[in-house]
């Protein structure tokens, strides 16, 4: 009977020890589960943030290309407009000279008409 009692005590201690380990493992298991859940959440948010960043980076690159083209086109147009302004300024000068010549000619013709 003492062996049976000892065996019973050892069995009870073993069961209690196993139960204690199960209780200890349970909070650790919960922490591990929470950490795993948090890791999954962070990874998912990271993937979403990466997608947004990639889209934004592509938009920036496209805007940069478009603005570079517009600047190049604008500079070309400025050069064309400057050349046109110079041509038209020269034309104005020659036409002003022509107007002066014609004004002088008209004045001479009117004087000749009065003299006749």
PDB file of N, CA and C in Angstrom:
ATOM      1  N   UNK A   1       0.788  -1.181   0.000  1.00  0.00           N
ATOM      2  CA  UNK A   1       0.000   0.000   0.000  1.00  0.00           C
ATOM      3  C   UNK A   1       0.844   1.265   0.000  1.00  0.00           C
ATOM      4  N   UNK A   2       2.013   1.243   0.665  1.00  0.00           N
ATOM      5  CA  UNK A   2       2.811   2.461   0.644  1.00  0.00           C
ATOM      6  C   UNK A   2       3.338   2.719  -0.760  1.00  0.00           C
ATOM      7  N   UNK A   3       3.693   1.697  -1.478  1.00  0.00           N
ATOM      8  CA  UNK A   3       4.149   1.855  -2.855  1.00  0.00           C
ATOM      9  C   UNK A   3       3.025   2.412  -3.719  1.00  0.00           C
ATOM     10  N   UNK A   4       1.841   1.933  -3.468  1.00  0.00           N
ATOM     11  CA  UNK A   4       0.697   2.422  -4.220  1.00  0.00           C
ATOM     12  C   UNK A   4       0.448   3.873  -3.882  1.00  0.00           C
ATOM     13  N   UNK A   5       0.599   4.240  -2.638  1.00  0.00           N
ATOM     14  CA  UNK A   5       0.395   5.622  -2.224  1.00  0.00           C
ATOM     15  C   UNK A   5       1.486   6.494  -2.820  1.00  0.00           C
ATOM     16  N   UNK A   6       2.719   6.011  -2.781  1.00  0.00           N
ATOM     17  CA  UNK A   6       3.814   6.760  -3.387  1.00  0.00           C
ATOM     18  C   UNK A   6       3.577   6.933  -4.880  1.00  0.00           C
ATOM     19  N   UNK A   7       3.143   5.862  -5.515  1.00  0.00           N
ATOM     20  CA  UNK A   7       2.869   5.906  -6.945  1.00  0.00           C
ATOM     21  C   UNK A   7       1.744   6.899  -7.224  1.00  0.00           C
ATOM     22  N   UNK A   8       0.761   6.903  -6.353  1.00  0.00           N
ATOM     23  CA  UNK A   8      -0.369   7.802  -6.525  1.00  0.00           C
ATOM     24  C   UNK A   8       0.103   9.248  -6.353  1.00  0.00           C
ATOM     25  N   UNK A   9       0.965   9.482  -5.362  1.00  0.00           N
ATOM     26  CA  UNK A   9       1.489  10.826  -5.128  1.00  0.00           C
ATOM     27  C   UNK A   9       2.349  11.275  -6.321  1.00  0.00           C
ATOM     28  N   UNK A  10       3.163  10.398  -6.819  1.00  0.00           N
ATOM     29  CA  UNK A  10       4.008  10.721  -7.973  1.00  0.00           C
ATOM     30  C   UNK A  10       3.125  11.029  -9.182  1.00  0.00           C
ATOM     31  N   UNK A  11       2.076  10.255  -9.354  1.00  0.00           N
ATOM     32  CA  UNK A  11       1.165  10.478 -10.474  1.00  0.00           C
ATOM     33  C   UNK A  11       0.465  11.821 -10.321  1.00  0.00           C
ATOM     34  N   UNK A  12       0.021  12.123  -9.102  1.00  0.00           N
ATOM     35  CA  UNK A  12      -0.662  13.397  -8.860  1.00  0.00           C
ATOM     36  C   UNK A  12       0.300  14.556  -9.086  1.00  0.00           C
ATOM     37  N   UNK A  13       1.532  14.432  -8.562  1.00  0.00           N
ATOM     38  CA  UNK A  13       2.537  15.483  -8.766  1.00  0.00           C
ATOM     39  C   UNK A  13       2.814  15.639 -10.257  1.00  0.00           C
ATOM     40  N   UNK A  14       2.907  14.537 -10.974  1.00  0.00           N
ATOM     41  CA  UNK A  14       3.142  14.595 -12.424  1.00  0.00           C
ATOM     42  C   UNK A  14       2.004  15.287 -13.144  1.00  0.00           C
ATOM     43  N   UNK A  15       0.771  14.952 -12.775  1.00  0.00           N
ATOM     44  CA  UNK A  15      -0.398  15.583 -13.395  1.00  0.00           C
ATOM     45  C   UNK A  15      -0.424  17.068 -13.076  1.00  0.00           C
ATOM     46  N   UNK A  16      -0.135  17.415 -11.799  1.00  0.00           N
ATOM     47  CA  UNK A  16      -0.106  18.828 -11.406  1.00  0.00           C
ATOM     48  C   UNK A  16       1.013  19.579 -12.136  1.00  0.00           C
ATOM     49  N   UNK A  17       2.160  18.939 -12.276  1.00  0.00           N
ATOM     50  CA  UNK A  17       3.278  19.573 -12.989  1.00  0.00           C
ATOM     51  C   UNK A  17       2.913  19.783 -14.452  1.00  0.00           C
ATOM     52  N   UNK A  18       2.277  18.791 -15.052  1.00  0.00           N
ATOM     53  CA  UNK A  18       1.861  18.921 -16.455  1.00  0.00           C
ATOM     54  C   UNK A  18       0.827  20.026 -16.597  1.00  0.00           C
ATOM     55  N   UNK A  19      -0.095  20.095 -15.650  1.00  0.00           N
ATOM     56  CA  UNK A  19      -1.112  21.148 -15.681  1.00  0.00           C
ATOM     57  C   UNK A  19      -0.464  22.516 -15.522  1.00  0.00           C
ATOM     58  N   UNK A  20       0.522  22.608 -14.624  1.00  0.00           N
ATOM     59  CA  UNK A  20       1.225  23.876 -14.420  1.00  0.00           C
ATOM     60  C   UNK A  20       1.969  24.289 -15.689  1.00  0.00           C
ATOM     61  N   UNK A  21       2.621  23.317 -16.347  1.00  0.00           N
ATOM     62  CA  UNK A  21       3.313  23.614 -17.598  1.00  0.00           C
ATOM     63  C   UNK A  21       2.332  24.045 -18.681  1.00  0.00           C
ATOM     64  N   UNK A  22       1.176  23.432 -18.705  1.00  0.00           N
ATOM     65  CA  UNK A  22       0.159  23.785 -19.692  1.00  0.00           C
ATOM     66  C   UNK A  22      -0.320  25.212 -19.465  1.00  0.00           C
ATOM     67  N   UNK A  23      -0.477  25.579 -18.181  1.00  0.00           N
ATOM     68  CA  UNK A  23      -0.893  26.944 -17.881  1.00  0.00           C
ATOM     69  C   UNK A  23       0.199  27.928 -18.254  1.00  0.00           C
ATOM     70  N   UNK A  24       1.460  27.555 -17.992  1.00  0.00           N
ATOM     71  CA  UNK A  24       2.568  28.429 -18.362  1.00  0.00           C
ATOM     72  C   UNK A  24       2.703  28.518 -19.878  1.00  0.00           C
ATOM     73  N   UNK A  25       2.516  27.431 -20.565  1.00  0.00           N
ATOM     74  CA  UNK A  25       2.626  27.425 -22.019  1.00  0.00           C
ATOM     75  C   UNK A  25       1.491  28.210 -22.635  1.00  0.00           C
ATOM     76  N   UNK A  26       0.373  28.221 -22.012  1.00  0.00           N
ATOM     77  CA  UNK A  26      -0.779  28.920 -22.553  1.00  0.00           C
ATOM     78  C   UNK A  26      -0.533  30.422 -22.683  1.00  0.00           C
ATOM     79  N   UNK A  27      -0.044  31.123 -21.643  1.00  0.00           N
ATOM     80  CA  UNK A  27       0.252  32.543 -21.837  1.00  0.00           C
ATOM     81  C   UNK A  27       1.370  32.770 -22.852  1.00  0.00           C
ATOM     82  N   UNK A  28       2.377  31.914 -22.840  1.00  0.00           N
ATOM     83  CA  UNK A  28       3.454  32.033 -23.823  1.00  0.00           C
ATOM     84  C   UNK A  28       2.907  31.761 -25.214  1.00  0.00           C
ATOM     85  N   UNK A  29       2.045  30.759 -25.293  1.00  0.00           N
ATOM     86  CA  UNK A  29       1.412  30.458 -26.581  1.00  0.00           C
ATOM     87  C   UNK A  29       0.585  31.638 -27.068  1.00  0.00           C
ATOM     88  N   UNK A  30      -0.107  32.282 -26.111  1.00  0.00           N
ATOM     89  CA  UNK A  30      -0.894  33.461 -26.485  1.00  0.00           C
ATOM     90  C   UNK A  30       0.007  34.584 -26.980  1.00  0.00           C
ATOM     91  N   UNK A  31       1.126  34.786 -26.286  1.00  0.00           N
ATOM     92  CA  UNK A  31       2.068  35.832 -26.697  1.00  0.00           C
ATOM     93  C   UNK A  31       2.623  35.519 -28.081  1.00  0.00           C
ATOM     94  N   UNK A  32       2.980  34.271 -28.282  1.00  0.00           N
ATOM     95  CA  UNK A  32       3.509  33.868 -29.599  1.00  0.00           C
ATOM     96  C   UNK A  32       2.457  34.079 -30.673  1.00  0.00           C
ATOM     97  N   UNK A  33       1.212  33.716 -30.357  1.00  0.00           N
ATOM     98  CA  UNK A  33       0.124  33.918 -31.326  1.00  0.00           C
ATOM     99  C   UNK A  33      -0.074  35.407 -31.604  1.00  0.00           C
ATOM    100  N   UNK A  34      -0.053  36.223 -30.546  1.00  0.00           N
ATOM    101  CA  UNK A  34      -0.191  37.671 -30.733  1.00  0.00           C
ATOM    102  C   UNK A  34       0.952  38.223 -31.582  1.00  0.00           C
ATOM    103  N   UNK A  35       2.165  37.736 -31.323  1.00  0.00           N
ATOM    104  CA  UNK A  35       3.319  38.188 -32.109  1.00  0.00           C
ATOM    105  C   UNK A  35       3.169  37.771 -33.572  1.00  0.00           C
ATOM    106  N   UNK A  36       2.702  36.546 -33.789  1.00  0.00           N
ATOM    107  CA  UNK A  36       2.498  36.077 -35.163  1.00  0.00           C
ATOM    108  C   UNK A  36       1.423  36.899 -35.855  1.00  0.00           C
ATOM    109  N   UNK A  37       0.338  37.187 -35.137  1.00  0.00           N
ATOM    110  CA  UNK A  37      -0.727  38.015 -35.708  1.00  0.00           C
ATOM    111  C   UNK A  37      -0.224  39.414 -36.032  1.00  0.00           C
ATOM    112  N   UNK A  38       0.563  39.976 -35.103  1.00  0.00           N
ATOM    113  CA  UNK A  38       1.119  41.307 -35.316  1.00  0.00           C
ATOM    114  C   UNK A  38       2.067  41.314 -36.508  1.00  0.00           C
ATOM    115  N   UNK A  39       2.875  40.267 -36.620  1.00  0.00           N
ATOM    116  CA  UNK A  39       3.804  40.169 -37.752  1.00  0.00           C
ATOM    117  C   UNK A  39       3.019  40.129 -39.070  1.00  0.00           C
ATOM    118  N   UNK A  40       1.970  39.327 -39.102  1.00  0.00           N
ATOM    119  CA  UNK A  40       1.162  39.229 -40.320  1.00  0.00           C
ATOM    120  C   UNK A  40       0.534  40.582 -40.644  1.00  0.00           C
ATOM    121  N   UNK A  41       0.045  41.280 -39.610  1.00  0.00           N
ATOM    122  CA  UNK A  41      -0.580  42.582 -39.816  1.00  0.00           C
ATOM    123  C   UNK A  41       0.435  43.591 -40.344  1.00  0.00           C
ATOM    124  N   UNK A  42       1.618  43.602 -39.744  1.00  0.00           N
ATOM    125  CA  UNK A  42       2.669  44.532 -40.171  1.00  0.00           C
ATOM    126  C   UNK A  42       3.090  44.235 -41.605  1.00  0.00           C
ATOM    127  N   UNK A  43       3.241  42.965 -41.936  1.00  0.00           N
ATOM    128  CA  UNK A  43       3.609  42.601 -43.306  1.00  0.00           C
ATOM    129  C   UNK A  43       2.542  43.027 -44.300  1.00  0.00           C
ATOM    130  N   UNK A  44       1.287  42.834 -43.935  1.00  0.00           N
ATOM    131  CA  UNK A  44       0.184  43.226 -44.822  1.00  0.00           C
ATOM    132  C   UNK A  44       0.175  44.743 -45.007  1.00  0.00           C
ATOM    133  N   UNK A  45       0.345  45.480 -43.903  1.00  0.00           N
ATOM    134  CA  UNK A  45       0.390  46.935 -44.012  1.00  0.00           C
ATOM    135  C   UNK A  45       1.597  47.381 -44.826  1.00  0.00           C
ATOM    136  N   UNK A  46       2.716  46.678 -44.649  1.00  0.00           N
ATOM    137  CA  UNK A  46       3.920  46.989 -45.419  1.00  0.00           C
ATOM    138  C   UNK A  46       3.710  46.774 -46.902  1.00  0.00           C
ATOM    139  N   UNK A  47       3.011  45.710 -47.264  1.00  0.00           N
ATOM    140  CA  UNK A  47       2.720  45.455 -48.675  1.00  0.00           C
ATOM    141  C   UNK A  47       1.834  46.558 -49.236  1.00  0.00           C
ATOM    142  N   UNK A  48       0.841  46.978 -48.441  1.00  0.00           N
ATOM    143  CA  UNK A  48      -0.034  48.067 -48.884  1.00  0.00           C
ATOM    144  C   UNK A  48       0.740  49.362 -49.051  1.00  0.00           C
ATOM    145  N   UNK A  49       1.609  49.662 -48.088  1.00  0.00           N
ATOM    146  CA  UNK A  49       2.419  50.875 -48.164  1.00  0.00           C
ATOM    147  C   UNK A  49       3.367  50.808 -49.359  1.00  0.00           C
ATOM    148  N   UNK A  50       3.931  49.647 -49.624  1.00  0.00           N
ATOM    149  CA  UNK A  50       4.832  49.482 -50.768  1.00  0.00           C
ATOM    150  C   UNK A  50       4.079  49.715 -52.070  1.00  0.00           C
ATOM    151  N   UNK A  51       2.851  49.233 -52.143  1.00  0.00           N
ATOM    152  CA  UNK A  51       2.038  49.429 -53.349  1.00  0.00           C
ATOM    153  C   UNK A  51       1.771  50.916 -53.563  1.00  0.00           C
ATOM    154  N   UNK A  52       1.388  51.614 -52.487  1.00  0.00           N
ATOM    155  CA  UNK A  52       1.127  53.046 -52.586  1.00  0.00           C
ATOM    156  C   UNK A  52       2.401  53.781 -52.998  1.00  0.00           C
ATOM    157  N   UNK A  53       3.526  53.418 -52.390  1.00  0.00           N
ATOM    158  CA  UNK A  53       4.795  54.051 -52.729  1.00  0.00           C
ATOM    159  C   UNK A  53       5.155  53.818 -54.198  1.00  0.00           C
ATOM    160  N   UNK A  54       4.975  52.579 -54.657  1.00  0.00           N
ATOM    161  CA  UNK A  54       5.297  52.256 -56.050  1.00  0.00           C
ATOM    162  C   UNK A  54       4.442  53.080 -57.003  1.00  0.00           C
ATOM    163  N   UNK A  55       3.143  53.171 -56.708  1.00  0.00           N
ATOM    164  CA  UNK A  55       2.250  53.963 -57.557  1.00  0.00           C
ATOM    165  C   UNK A  55       2.669  55.430 -57.548  1.00  0.00           C
ATOM    166  N   UNK A  56       3.008  55.949 -56.366  1.00  0.00           N
ATOM    167  CA  UNK A  56       3.429  57.347 -56.257  1.00  0.00           C
ATOM    168  C   UNK A  56       4.740  57.578 -57.008  1.00  0.00           C
ATOM    169  N   UNK A  57       5.669  56.650 -56.873  1.00  0.00           N
ATOM    170  CA  UNK A  57       6.960  56.780 -57.567  1.00  0.00           C
ATOM    171  C   UNK A  57       6.759  56.774 -59.083  1.00  0.00           C
ATOM    172  N   UNK A  58       5.865  55.910 -59.566  1.00  0.00           N
ATOM    173  CA  UNK A  58       5.577  55.873 -61.004  1.00  0.00           C
ATOM    174  C   UNK A  58       4.948  57.189 -61.453  1.00  0.00           C
ATOM    175  N   UNK A  59       4.029  57.724 -60.648  1.00  0.00           N
ATOM    176  CA  UNK A  59       3.388  59.000 -60.974  1.00  0.00           C
ATOM    177  C   UNK A  59       4.438  60.110 -61.028  1.00  0.00           C
ATOM    178  N   UNK A  60       5.344  60.121 -60.048  1.00  0.00           N
ATOM    179  CA  UNK A  60       6.403  61.131 -60.021  1.00  0.00           C
ATOM    180  C   UNK A  60       7.287  61.025 -61.261  1.00  0.00           C
ATOM    181  N   UNK A  61       7.632  59.817 -61.622  1.00  0.00           N
ATOM    182  CA  UNK A  61       8.480  59.604 -62.803  1.00  0.00           C
ATOM    183  C   UNK A  61       7.774  60.099 -64.063  1.00  0.00           C
ATOM    184  N   UNK A  62       6.492  59.782 -64.188  1.00  0.00           N
ATOM    185  CA  UNK A  62       5.717  60.225 -65.350  1.00  0.00           C
ATOM    186  C   UNK A  62       5.612  61.751 -65.383  1.00  0.00           C
ATOM    187  N   UNK A  63       5.343  62.354 -64.227  1.00  0.00           N
ATOM    188  CA  UNK A  63       5.257  63.819 -64.151  1.00  0.00           C
ATOM    189  C   UNK A  63       6.595  64.444 -64.522  1.00  0.00           C
ATOM    190  N   UNK A  64       7.681  63.851 -64.061  1.00  0.00           N
ATOM    191  CA  UNK A  64       9.013  64.364 -64.367  1.00  0.00           C
ATOM    192  C   UNK A  64       9.267  64.333 -65.876  1.00  0.00           C
ATOM    193  N   UNK A  65       8.931  63.221 -66.509  1.00  0.00           N
ATOM    194  CA  UNK A  65       9.108  63.111 -67.962  1.00  0.00           C
ATOM    195  C   UNK A  65       8.259  64.141 -68.687  1.00  0.00           C
ATOM    196  N   UNK A  66       7.006  64.276 -68.253  1.00  0.00           N
ATOM    197  CA  UNK A  66       6.093  65.216 -68.904  1.00  0.00           C
ATOM    198  C   UNK A  66       6.580  66.658 -68.735  1.00  0.00           C
ATOM    199  N   UNK A  67       7.001  67.013 -67.531  1.00  0.00           N
ATOM    200  CA  UNK A  67       7.485  68.371 -67.301  1.00  0.00           C
ATOM    201  C   UNK A  67       8.776  68.645 -68.064  1.00  0.00           C
ATOM    202  N   UNK A  68       9.651  67.651 -68.136  1.00  0.00           N
ATOM    203  CA  UNK A  68      10.879  67.813 -68.907  1.00  0.00           C
ATOM    204  C   UNK A  68      10.556  68.078 -70.373  1.00  0.00           C
ATOM    205  N   UNK A  69       9.601  67.334 -70.929  1.00  0.00           N
ATOM    206  CA  UNK A  69       9.184  67.538 -72.311  1.00  0.00           C
ATOM    207  C   UNK A  69       8.582  68.930 -72.488  1.00  0.00           C
ATOM    208  N   UNK A  70       7.712  69.348 -71.546  1.00  0.00           N
ATOM    209  CA  UNK A  70       7.084  70.663 -71.641  1.00  0.00           C
ATOM    210  C   UNK A  70       8.114  71.782 -71.550  1.00  0.00           C
ATOM    211  N   UNK A  71       9.114  71.624 -70.706  1.00  0.00           N
ATOM    212  CA  UNK A  71      10.169  72.635 -70.584  1.00  0.00           C
ATOM    213  C   UNK A  71      10.958  72.719 -71.890  1.00  0.00           C
ATOM    214  N   UNK A  72      11.315  71.556 -72.432  1.00  0.00           N
ATOM    215  CA  UNK A  72      12.062  71.524 -73.691  1.00  0.00           C
ATOM    216  C   UNK A  72      11.246  72.175 -74.806  1.00  0.00           C
ATOM    217  N   UNK A  73       9.956  71.846 -74.866  1.00  0.00           N
ATOM    218  CA  UNK A  73       9.073  72.420 -75.879  1.00  0.00           C
ATOM    219  C   UNK A  73       8.940  73.924 -75.673  1.00  0.00           C
ATOM    220  N   UNK A  74       8.788  74.337 -74.414  1.00  0.00           N
ATOM    221  CA  UNK A  74       8.658  75.762 -74.112  1.00  0.00           C
ATOM    222  C   UNK A  74       9.905  76.544 -74.510  1.00  0.00           C
ATOM    223  N   UNK A  75      11.074  75.984 -74.252  1.00  0.00           N
ATOM    224  CA  UNK A  75      12.318  76.662 -74.633  1.00  0.00           C
ATOM    225  C   UNK A  75      12.417  76.792 -76.154  1.00  0.00           C
ATOM    226  N   UNK A  76      11.989  75.764 -76.860  1.00  0.00           N
ATOM    227  CA  UNK A  76      11.998  75.807 -78.322  1.00  0.00           C
ATOM    228  C   UNK A  76      11.042  76.884 -78.824  1.00  0.00           C
ATOM    229  N   UNK A  77       9.869  76.954 -78.205  1.00  0.00           N
ATOM    230  CA  UNK A  77       8.890  77.969 -78.609  1.00  0.00           C
ATOM    231  C   UNK A  77       9.420  79.373 -78.319  1.00  0.00           C
ATOM    232  N   UNK A  78      10.113  79.549 -77.191  1.00  0.00           N
ATOM    233  CA  UNK A  78      10.691  80.853 -76.864  1.00  0.00           C
ATOM    234  C   UNK A  78      11.679  81.263 -77.947  1.00  0.00           C
ATOM    235  N   UNK A  79      12.523  80.341 -78.368  1.00  0.00           N
ATOM    236  CA  UNK A  79      13.496  80.644 -79.421  1.00  0.00           C
ATOM    237  C   UNK A  79      12.778  81.026 -80.719  1.00  0.00           C
ATOM    238  N   UNK A  80      11.736  80.278 -81.067  1.00  0.00           N
ATOM    239  CA  UNK A  80      10.964  80.591 -82.279  1.00  0.00           C
ATOM    240  C   UNK A  80      10.318  81.972 -82.176  1.00  0.00           C
ATOM    241  N   UNK A  81       9.741  82.264 -81.012  1.00  0.00           N
ATOM    242  CA  UNK A  81       9.078  83.557 -80.826  1.00  0.00           C
ATOM    243  C   UNK A  81      10.089  84.708 -80.886  1.00  0.00           C
ATOM    244  N   UNK A  82      11.278  84.506 -80.320  1.00  0.00           N
ATOM    245  CA  UNK A  82      12.308  85.542 -80.377  1.00  0.00           C
ATOM    246  C   UNK A  82      12.716  85.818 -81.824  1.00  0.00           C
ATOM    247  N   UNK A  83      12.861  84.749 -82.599  1.00  0.00           N
ATOM    248  CA  UNK A  83      13.222  84.914 -84.011  1.00  0.00           C
ATOM    249  C   UNK A  83      12.110  85.654 -84.753  1.00  0.00           C
ATOM    250  N   UNK A  84      10.855  85.305 -84.471  1.00  0.00           N
ATOM    251  CA  UNK A  84       9.726  85.972 -85.117  1.00  0.00           C
ATOM    252  C   UNK A  84       9.686  87.447 -84.731  1.00  0.00           C
ATOM    253  N   UNK A  85       9.936  87.745 -83.448  1.00  0.00           N
ATOM    254  CA  UNK A  85       9.941  89.137 -82.983  1.00  0.00           C
ATOM    255  C   UNK A  85      11.033  89.924 -83.694  1.00  0.00           C
ATOM    256  N   UNK A  86      12.209  89.332 -83.836  1.00  0.00           N
ATOM    257  CA  UNK A  86      13.305  90.020 -84.535  1.00  0.00           C
ATOM    258  C   UNK A  86      12.940  90.286 -85.991  1.00  0.00           C
ATOM    259  N   UNK A  87      12.328  89.310 -86.659  1.00  0.00           N
ATOM    260  CA  UNK A  87      11.919  89.484 -88.056  1.00  0.00           C
ATOM    261  C   UNK A  87      10.869  90.589 -88.171  1.00  0.00           C
ATOM    262  N   UNK A  88       9.884  90.547 -87.281  1.00  0.00           N
ATOM    263  CA  UNK A  88       8.818  91.542 -87.351  1.00  0.00           C
ATOM    264  C   UNK A  88       9.330  92.928 -86.979  1.00  0.00           C
ATOM    265  N   UNK A  89      10.306  93.008 -86.064  1.00  0.00           N
ATOM    266  CA  UNK A  89      10.904  94.298 -85.704  1.00  0.00           C
ATOM    267  C   UNK A  89      11.641  94.873 -86.904  1.00  0.00           C
ATOM    268  N   UNK A  90      12.363  94.021 -87.626  1.00  0.00           N
ATOM    269  CA  UNK A  90      13.057  94.468 -88.839  1.00  0.00           C
ATOM    270  C   UNK A  90      12.054  94.938 -89.884  1.00  0.00           C
ATOM    271  N   UNK A  91      10.946  94.228 -90.001  1.00  0.00           N
ATOM    272  CA  UNK A  91       9.902  94.606 -90.956  1.00  0.00           C
ATOM    273  C   UNK A  91       9.312  95.965 -90.582  1.00  0.00           C
ATOM    274  N   UNK A  92       9.095  96.162 -89.277  1.00  0.00           N
ATOM    275  CA  UNK A  92       8.548  97.445 -88.816  1.00  0.00           C
ATOM    276  C   UNK A  92       9.503  98.577 -89.197  1.00  0.00           C
ATOM    277  N   UNK A  93      10.796  98.332 -88.974  1.00  0.00           N
ATOM    278  CA  UNK A  93      11.790  99.360 -89.328  1.00  0.00           C
ATOM    279  C   UNK A  93      11.751  99.698 -90.808  1.00  0.00           C
ATOM    280  N   UNK A  94      11.704  98.675 -91.650  1.00  0.00           N
ATOM    281  CA  UNK A  94      11.689  98.938 -93.093  1.00  0.00           C
ATOM    282  C   UNK A  94      10.378  99.599 -93.518  1.00  0.00           C
ATOM    283  N   UNK A  95       9.277  99.224 -92.896  1.00  0.00           N
ATOM    284  CA  UNK A  95       7.997  99.851 -93.242  1.00  0.00           C
ATOM    285  C   UNK A  95       7.930 101.302 -92.759  1.00  0.00           C
ATOM    286  N   UNK A  96       8.545 101.581 -91.603  1.00  0.00           N
ATOM    287  CA  UNK A  96       8.594 102.971 -91.126  1.00  0.00           C
ATOM    288  C   UNK A  96       9.401 103.823 -92.094  1.00  0.00           C
ATOM    289  N   UNK A  97      10.510 103.262 -92.591  1.00  0.00           N
ATOM    290  CA  UNK A  97      11.321 103.975 -93.576  1.00  0.00           C
ATOM    291  C   UNK A  97      10.505 104.224 -94.836  1.00  0.00           C
ATOM    292  N   UNK A  98       9.764 103.220 -95.253  1.00  0.00           N
ATOM    293  CA  UNK A  98       8.911 103.339 -96.456  1.00  0.00           C
ATOM    294  C   UNK A  98       7.832 104.392 -96.251  1.00  0.00           C
ATOM    295  N   UNK A  99       7.244 104.432 -95.035  1.00  0.00           N
ATOM    296  CA  UNK A  99       6.225 105.442 -94.730  1.00  0.00           C
ATOM    297  C   UNK A  99       6.836 106.834 -94.801  1.00  0.00           C
ATOM    298  N   UNK A 100       8.048 106.986 -94.266  1.00  0.00           N
ATOM    299  CA  UNK A 100       8.720 108.290 -94.328  1.00  0.00           C
ATOM    300  C   UNK A 100       8.987 108.694 -95.771  1.00  0.00           C
ATOM    301  N   UNK A 101       9.421 107.734 -96.581  1.00  0.00           N
ATOM    302  CA  UNK A 101       9.669 108.024 -98.003  1.00  0.00           C
ATOM    303  C   UNK A 101       8.374 108.449 -98.683  1.00  0.00           C
ATOM    304  N   UNK A 102       7.314 107.709 -98.433  1.00  0.00           N
ATOM    305  CA  UNK A 102       6.031 108.031 -99.067  1.00  0.00           C
ATOM    306  C   UNK A 102       5.481 109.366 -98.556  1.00  0.00           C
ATOM    307  N   UNK A 103       5.683 109.652 -97.279  1.00  0.00           N
ATOM    308  CA  UNK A 103       5.233 110.930 -96.727  1.00  0.00           C
ATOM    309  C   UNK A 103       5.983 112.072 -97.411  1.00  0.00           C
ATOM    310  N   UNK A 104       7.280 111.899 -97.578  1.00  0.00           N
ATOM    311  CA  UNK A 104       8.081 112.915 -98.291  1.00  0.00           C
ATOM    312  C   UNK A 104       7.637 113.044 -99.737  1.00  0.00           C
ATOM    313  N   UNK A 105       7.363 111.924-100.380  1.00  0.00           N
ATOM    314  CA  UNK A 105       6.916 111.934-101.766  1.00  0.00           C
ATOM    315  C   UNK A 105       5.571 112.620-101.886  1.00  0.00           C
ATOM    316  N   UNK A 106       4.675 112.345-100.939  1.00  0.00           N
ATOM    317  CA  UNK A 106       3.339 112.973-100.958  1.00  0.00           C
ATOM    318  C   UNK A 106       3.490 114.480-100.761  1.00  0.00           C
ATOM    319  N   UNK A 107       4.348 114.876 -99.839  1.00  0.00           N
ATOM    320  CA  UNK A 107       4.565 116.304 -99.590  1.00  0.00           C
ATOM    321  C   UNK A 107       5.118 116.974-100.838  1.00  0.00           C
ATOM    322  N   UNK A 108       6.047 116.321-101.512  1.00  0.00           N
ATOM    323  CA  UNK A 108       6.612 116.887-102.754  1.00  0.00           C
ATOM    324  C   UNK A 108       5.557 116.974-103.815  1.00  0.00           C
ATOM    325  N   UNK A 109       4.749 115.923-103.961  1.00  0.00           N
ATOM    326  CA  UNK A 109       3.682 115.918-104.979  1.00  0.00           C
ATOM    327  C   UNK A 109       2.643 116.997-104.676  1.00  0.00           C
ATOM    328  N   UNK A 110       2.314 117.218-103.433  1.00  0.00           N
ATOM    329  CA  UNK A 110       1.340 118.257-103.090  1.00  0.00           C
ATOM    330  C   UNK A 110       1.908 119.635-103.375  1.00  0.00           C
ATOM    331  N   UNK A 111       3.202 119.806-103.103  1.00  0.00           N
ATOM    332  CA  UNK A 111       3.844 121.090-103.392  1.00  0.00           C
ATOM    333  C   UNK A 111       3.879 121.340-104.898  1.00  0.00           C
ATOM    334  N   UNK A 112       4.178 120.296-105.675  1.00  0.00           N
ATOM    335  CA  UNK A 112       4.195 120.412-107.126  1.00  0.00           C
ATOM    336  C   UNK A 112       2.790 120.717-107.658  1.00  0.00           C
ATOM    337  N   UNK A 113       1.796 120.097-107.020  1.00  0.00           N
ATOM    338  CA  UNK A 113       0.391 120.313-107.438  1.00  0.00           C
ATOM    339  C   UNK A 113      -0.016 121.753-107.158  1.00  0.00           C
ATOM    340  N   UNK A 114       0.386 122.319-106.066  1.00  0.00           N
ATOM    341  CA  UNK A 114       0.055 123.709-105.732  1.00  0.00           C
ATOM    342  C   UNK A 114       0.798 124.665-106.670  1.00  0.00           C
ATOM    343  N   UNK A 115       1.997 124.318-107.020  1.00  0.00           N
ATOM    344  CA  UNK A 115       2.810 125.151-107.879  1.00  0.00           C
ATOM    345  C   UNK A 115       2.271 125.138-109.312  1.00  0.00           C
ATOM    346  N   UNK A 116       1.590 124.133-109.689  1.00  0.00           N
ATOM    347  CA  UNK A 116       1.117 124.035-111.057  1.00  0.00           C
ATOM    348  C   UNK A 116      -0.135 124.756-111.235  1.00  0.00           C
TER     349      UNK A 116
END
